[in-house]
Amino acid sequence: MMRRFKVIIEQDPDGGYVASVAGLPGCHTQGETLDELRSNVKEAIALYLEDEEVPDRLPQFVAVEDVEVSV
């Protein structure tokens, strides 16, 4: 069975990339390049799904928004 997940990718200030998988709490990974990150995130999701009891219906990812605050 194939499942799709939303992945949030951020560039680390020191180089490389970090990814968090929306809907899978604690499922994170990193990579030096985007290609490496994509490979690592697939592996991280597969390992997460092996180790965790994941319901058939996960929370639906809605959006990433910019929020402006005065500091």
C-alpha atoms as a PDB file:
ATOM      1  CA  MET A   1       0.000   0.000   0.000  1.00  0.00           C
ATOM      2  CA  MET A   2       1.319   3.447  -0.957  1.00  0.00           C
ATOM      3  CA  ARG A   3       0.719   6.412   1.344  1.00  0.00           C
ATOM      4  CA  ARG A   4       1.527  10.083   0.803  1.00  0.00           C
ATOM      5  CA  PHE A   5       2.919  12.371   3.468  1.00  0.00           C
ATOM      6  CA  LYS A   6       3.539  16.104   3.538  1.00  0.00           C
ATOM      7  CA  VAL A   7       7.164  16.880   4.349  1.00  0.00           C
ATOM      8  CA  ILE A   8       8.322  20.261   5.645  1.00  0.00           C
ATOM      9  CA  ILE A   9      11.859  21.041   4.498  1.00  0.00           C
ATOM     10  CA  GLU A  10      14.058  23.709   6.035  1.00  0.00           C
ATOM     11  CA  GLN A  11      17.584  24.751   5.168  1.00  0.00           C
ATOM     12  CA  ASP A  12      19.944  24.605   8.134  1.00  0.00           C
ATOM     13  CA  PRO A  13      21.925  27.843   8.678  1.00  0.00           C
ATOM     14  CA  ASP A  14      25.124  25.771   8.825  1.00  0.00           C
ATOM     15  CA  GLY A  15      24.332  23.982   5.538  1.00  0.00           C
ATOM     16  CA  GLY A  16      22.278  20.968   4.677  1.00  0.00           C
ATOM     17  CA  TYR A  17      18.563  20.421   5.099  1.00  0.00           C
ATOM     18  CA  VAL A  18      16.168  19.217   7.792  1.00  0.00           C
ATOM     19  CA  ALA A  19      12.790  17.576   7.170  1.00  0.00           C
ATOM     20  CA  SER A  20       9.780  16.976   9.418  1.00  0.00           C
ATOM     21  CA  VAL A  21       6.919  14.742   8.359  1.00  0.00           C
ATOM     22  CA  ALA A  22       3.523  16.311   8.997  1.00  0.00           C
ATOM     23  CA  GLY A  23       1.195  13.870  10.709  1.00  0.00           C
ATOM     24  CA  LEU A  24       3.990  11.665  12.095  1.00  0.00           C
ATOM     25  CA  PRO A  25       5.103  13.208  15.405  1.00  0.00           C
ATOM     26  CA  GLY A  26       8.838  12.868  15.954  1.00  0.00           C
ATOM     27  CA  CYS A  27       9.570  11.783  12.385  1.00  0.00           C
ATOM     28  CA  HIS A  28      12.504  13.976  11.353  1.00  0.00           C
ATOM     29  CA  THR A  29      15.658  13.552   9.313  1.00  0.00           C
ATOM     30  CA  GLN A  30      18.409  15.548   7.656  1.00  0.00           C
ATOM     31  CA  GLY A  31      20.669  15.515   4.617  1.00  0.00           C
ATOM     32  CA  GLU A  32      23.507  17.498   3.101  1.00  0.00           C
ATOM     33  CA  THR A  33      21.686  17.821  -0.247  1.00  0.00           C
ATOM     34  CA  LEU A  34      18.030  17.785  -1.237  1.00  0.00           C
ATOM     35  CA  ASP A  35      18.530  14.443  -2.996  1.00  0.00           C
ATOM     36  CA  GLU A  36      20.067  12.951   0.144  1.00  0.00           C
ATOM     37  CA  LEU A  37      17.265  14.447   2.247  1.00  0.00           C
ATOM     38  CA  ARG A  38      14.568  12.942   0.021  1.00  0.00           C
ATOM     39  CA  SER A  39      16.153   9.523   0.289  1.00  0.00           C
ATOM     40  CA  ASN A  40      16.552   9.863   4.053  1.00  0.00           C
ATOM     41  CA  VAL A  41      12.961  11.014   4.585  1.00  0.00           C
ATOM     42  CA  LYS A  42      11.587   7.976   2.732  1.00  0.00           C
ATOM     43  CA  GLU A  43      13.699   5.745   4.955  1.00  0.00           C
ATOM     44  CA  ALA A  44      12.629   7.645   8.100  1.00  0.00           C
ATOM     45  CA  ILE A  45       8.942   7.279   7.208  1.00  0.00           C
ATOM     46  CA  ALA A  46       9.328   3.559   6.500  1.00  0.00           C
ATOM     47  CA  LEU A  47      11.101   3.006   9.830  1.00  0.00           C
ATOM     48  CA  TYR A  48       8.501   5.084  11.677  1.00  0.00           C
ATOM     49  CA  LEU A  49       5.671   3.054  10.178  1.00  0.00           C
ATOM     50  CA  GLU A  50       7.401  -0.199  11.168  1.00  0.00           C
ATOM     51  CA  ASP A  51       7.880   0.884  14.783  1.00  0.00           C
ATOM     52  CA  GLU A  52       4.722   2.860  15.497  1.00  0.00           C
ATOM     53  CA  GLU A  53       1.078   1.872  15.507  1.00  0.00           C
ATOM     54  CA  VAL A  54      -0.177   4.355  12.922  1.00  0.00           C
ATOM     55  CA  PRO A  55      -3.921   4.744  12.356  1.00  0.00           C
ATOM     56  CA  ASP A  56      -5.317   4.474   8.825  1.00  0.00           C
ATOM     57  CA  ARG A  57      -6.440   8.105   8.998  1.00  0.00           C
ATOM     58  CA  LEU A  58      -3.806  10.614  10.023  1.00  0.00           C
ATOM     59  CA  PRO A  59      -4.355  14.310  10.733  1.00  0.00           C
ATOM     60  CA  GLN A  60      -4.715  16.186   7.464  1.00  0.00           C
ATOM     61  CA  PHE A  61      -1.979  18.727   6.753  1.00  0.00           C
ATOM     62  CA  VAL A  62      -3.563  22.095   6.071  1.00  0.00           C
ATOM     63  CA  ALA A  63      -0.891  24.727   5.480  1.00  0.00           C
ATOM     64  CA  VAL A  64       2.293  26.478   6.427  1.00  0.00           C
ATOM     65  CA  GLU A  65       1.738  30.175   7.046  1.00  0.00           C
ATOM     66  CA  ASP A  66       3.873  33.209   7.807  1.00  0.00           C
ATOM     67  CA  VAL A  67       2.797  34.897  11.025  1.00  0.00           C
ATOM     68  CA  GLU A  68       4.047  38.390  11.807  1.00  0.00           C
ATOM     69  CA  VAL A  69       4.566  39.429  15.432  1.00  0.00           C
ATOM     70  CA  SER A  70       5.950  42.594  16.951  1.00  0.00           C
ATOM     71  CA  VAL A  71       9.027  41.998  19.134  1.00  0.00           C
END
